[in-house]
């Protein structure tokens, strides 16, 4: 069951104010080795299709995306990163104690548990040279042309819950240099 309250109460207002929202649908596929891979397909609340997700005319405002979510048959909301916004999303997979300093450096900006329940999304304001996906270290950074499957799940961070997105250029530069 989709918990809309987490979206309403926890997603930062500055994301909700942007018309950059989609739904996502989860599918499970087998790779060539027989391993199950989870795929999140973006679906437009405007066209009800997944193609051309990167065209702005197919994006919805937060209220429209949220209102239609339950009837859509989709699994949640996605935020679309664009060259027109100031946001960078860091996607950490399989987070463990080795990410302690990383998480501490971004403790005062919005963080949420990812769809898998094992990772973390961190939103910060800043600029990176280009998107990257480091599969070895399980660190990804995106600034544009990417859908982020949102959860609004901030429970893991206890008293360190933050519902704003802060400028973190120094930290973005540091980790971009290490992982890109």
Protein backbone atom coordinates (compact mmCIF):
# COMPACT_ATOMS: atom_id res chain seq x y z
CA UNK A 1 0.00 0.00 0.00
CA UNK A 2 1.25 3.46 -0.90
CA UNK A 3 1.71 5.73 2.10
CA UNK A 4 0.90 9.15 0.68
CA UNK A 5 1.48 10.76 4.09
CA UNK A 6 5.23 10.15 3.77
CA UNK A 7 5.24 12.07 0.51
CA UNK A 8 3.07 14.87 1.88
CA UNK A 9 4.85 15.25 5.23
CA UNK A 10 8.47 14.50 4.38
CA UNK A 11 9.30 15.51 0.81
CA UNK A 12 10.92 18.99 0.87
CA UNK A 13 8.59 21.80 -0.13
CA UNK A 14 10.99 23.06 -2.78
CA UNK A 15 10.67 19.74 -4.63
CA UNK A 16 6.88 19.75 -4.24
CA UNK A 17 6.74 23.28 -5.73
CA UNK A 18 8.24 22.09 -9.02
CA UNK A 19 6.28 20.52 -11.86
CA UNK A 20 8.79 17.68 -12.27
CA UNK A 21 6.77 14.70 -10.99
CA UNK A 22 6.07 11.29 -12.45
CA UNK A 23 4.91 7.95 -11.15
CA UNK A 24 7.00 4.80 -11.24
CA UNK A 25 6.08 1.15 -11.70
CA UNK A 26 8.30 -1.63 -10.38
CA UNK A 27 9.03 -4.69 -12.51
CA UNK A 28 11.25 -7.66 -11.72
CA UNK A 29 13.30 -9.07 -14.59
CA UNK A 30 15.93 -11.78 -14.77
CA UNK A 31 19.35 -10.85 -16.11
CA UNK A 32 21.43 -13.18 -18.31
CA UNK A 33 22.75 -14.93 -15.18
CA UNK A 34 19.28 -15.60 -13.78
CA UNK A 35 19.52 -12.92 -11.11
CA UNK A 36 16.41 -10.92 -10.38
CA UNK A 37 16.79 -7.23 -11.25
CA UNK A 38 14.34 -4.58 -10.07
CA UNK A 39 13.47 -2.03 -12.71
CA UNK A 40 11.54 1.17 -12.00
CA UNK A 41 9.75 2.44 -15.09
CA UNK A 42 8.71 6.13 -15.13
CA UNK A 43 5.06 6.76 -16.03
CA UNK A 44 3.65 10.20 -16.86
CA UNK A 45 0.59 11.34 -14.88
CA UNK A 46 -0.26 13.41 -17.97
CA UNK A 47 0.04 10.84 -20.79
CA UNK A 48 -0.10 7.61 -18.71
CA UNK A 49 2.87 6.36 -20.74
CA UNK A 50 6.55 5.77 -20.07
CA UNK A 51 7.96 7.00 -23.36
CA UNK A 52 9.22 10.55 -23.66
CA UNK A 53 9.52 10.91 -19.88
CA UNK A 54 12.18 13.58 -20.34
CA UNK A 55 9.85 15.98 -22.18
CA UNK A 56 8.63 18.71 -19.83
CA UNK A 57 5.12 18.72 -21.26
CA UNK A 58 4.70 15.18 -19.86
CA UNK A 59 5.65 16.20 -16.29
CA UNK A 60 3.08 16.92 -13.60
CA UNK A 61 2.93 19.07 -10.52
CA UNK A 62 3.15 17.31 -7.15
CA UNK A 63 -0.58 17.61 -6.35
CA UNK A 64 -1.63 16.10 -9.69
CA UNK A 65 0.86 13.23 -9.44
CA UNK A 66 -0.12 12.48 -5.84
CA UNK A 67 -3.88 12.70 -6.50
CA UNK A 68 -3.74 10.13 -9.31
CA UNK A 69 -1.20 7.78 -7.77
CA UNK A 70 -3.50 5.18 -6.19
CA UNK A 71 -5.71 4.79 -9.27
CA UNK A 72 -2.66 4.66 -11.58
CA UNK A 73 -1.60 1.14 -10.60
CA UNK A 74 1.90 2.51 -10.09
CA UNK A 75 4.11 2.00 -7.05
CA UNK A 76 5.14 5.55 -6.13
CA UNK A 77 6.23 9.04 -7.14
CA UNK A 78 9.38 9.98 -9.05
CA UNK A 79 11.08 13.35 -9.14
CA UNK A 80 12.71 14.28 -12.43
CA UNK A 81 16.07 16.02 -12.15
CA UNK A 82 16.44 18.74 -14.76
CA UNK A 83 19.13 21.13 -15.95
CA UNK A 84 16.70 23.88 -14.89
CA UNK A 85 16.80 23.05 -11.18
CA UNK A 86 19.62 23.44 -8.62
CA UNK A 87 19.44 19.87 -7.29
CA UNK A 88 21.86 16.96 -7.28
CA UNK A 89 20.73 13.56 -6.07
CA UNK A 90 23.27 11.14 -4.64
CA UNK A 91 22.06 7.55 -4.74
CA UNK A 92 23.94 5.24 -2.38
CA UNK A 93 23.21 1.52 -2.69
CA UNK A 94 23.58 -1.02 0.10
CA UNK A 95 24.55 1.53 2.73
CA UNK A 96 26.53 0.21 5.70
CA UNK A 97 28.87 1.65 8.32
CA UNK A 98 31.51 2.40 5.67
CA UNK A 99 29.30 5.30 4.49
CA UNK A 100 29.35 7.00 7.92
CA UNK A 101 31.48 10.02 6.95
CA UNK A 102 29.59 10.38 3.68
CA UNK A 103 26.23 10.49 5.48
CA UNK A 104 27.57 12.83 8.17
CA UNK A 105 28.79 15.29 5.53
CA UNK A 106 25.21 15.51 4.22
CA UNK A 107 23.39 15.30 7.56
CA UNK A 108 21.79 18.75 7.27
CA UNK A 109 20.14 18.24 3.87
CA UNK A 110 17.26 15.99 2.77
CA UNK A 111 17.96 12.25 2.91
CA UNK A 112 15.55 9.37 2.45
CA UNK A 113 15.72 5.59 2.39
CA UNK A 114 15.58 4.29 -1.20
CA UNK A 115 12.98 1.87 -2.59
CA UNK A 116 15.12 -1.19 -1.79
CA UNK A 117 15.25 -0.23 1.88
CA UNK A 118 19.03 -0.74 1.72
CA UNK A 119 20.11 2.51 0.10
CA UNK A 120 19.84 6.24 0.63
CA UNK A 121 18.97 9.20 -1.59
CA UNK A 122 20.62 12.49 -0.64
CA UNK A 123 19.43 15.74 -2.20
CA UNK A 124 21.72 18.77 -2.20
CA UNK A 125 22.04 22.01 -4.12
CA UNK A 126 25.10 22.32 -6.29
CA UNK A 127 26.68 21.42 -9.61
CA UNK A 128 28.53 18.34 -10.85
CA UNK A 129 30.41 17.97 -14.13
CA UNK A 130 28.15 15.14 -15.35
CA UNK A 131 25.99 12.31 -14.04
CA UNK A 132 27.84 9.16 -13.00
CA UNK A 133 27.05 5.65 -11.81
CA UNK A 134 29.94 3.92 -9.99
CA UNK A 135 28.79 0.28 -9.85
CA UNK A 136 31.88 -0.87 -7.96
CA UNK A 137 31.50 1.54 -5.02
CA UNK A 138 27.67 1.68 -5.32
CA UNK A 139 27.64 5.49 -5.53
CA UNK A 140 25.69 7.44 -8.14
CA UNK A 141 25.29 11.20 -8.62
CA UNK A 142 22.71 12.78 -10.87
CA UNK A 143 22.03 16.39 -11.76
CA UNK A 144 19.77 16.11 -14.79
CA UNK A 145 17.90 13.75 -17.10
CA UNK A 146 17.14 11.25 -14.33
CA UNK A 147 14.00 10.04 -12.53
CA UNK A 148 14.45 9.40 -8.83
CA UNK A 149 11.93 6.96 -7.31
CA UNK A 150 11.02 8.77 -4.11
CA UNK A 151 9.92 7.23 -0.81
CA UNK A 152 9.62 10.07 1.69
CA UNK A 153 10.94 7.50 4.19
CA UNK A 154 13.12 9.43 6.63
CA UNK A 155 12.53 7.24 9.68
CA UNK A 156 15.99 5.64 9.52
CA UNK A 157 17.65 8.94 10.39
CA UNK A 158 15.82 9.40 13.72
CA UNK A 159 16.35 12.83 15.20
CA UNK A 160 18.44 13.83 12.16
CA UNK A 161 15.42 14.26 9.90
CA UNK A 162 15.75 17.22 7.56
CA UNK A 163 13.06 18.40 5.17
CA UNK A 164 15.08 21.06 3.35
CA UNK A 165 17.68 20.88 0.60
CA UNK A 166 20.89 22.73 1.40
CA UNK A 167 23.81 23.97 -0.74
CA UNK A 168 26.62 21.41 -0.43
CA UNK A 169 29.06 22.28 -3.24
CA UNK A 170 32.21 21.53 -1.22
CA UNK A 171 30.90 18.08 -0.27
CA UNK A 172 29.66 17.35 -3.80
CA UNK A 173 33.10 18.25 -5.17
CA UNK A 174 34.83 16.05 -2.58
CA UNK A 175 32.78 12.92 -3.30
CA UNK A 176 32.62 13.51 -7.04
CA UNK A 177 36.43 13.51 -7.08
CA UNK A 178 36.56 10.27 -5.07
CA UNK A 179 33.85 8.25 -6.88
CA UNK A 180 33.35 9.61 -10.44
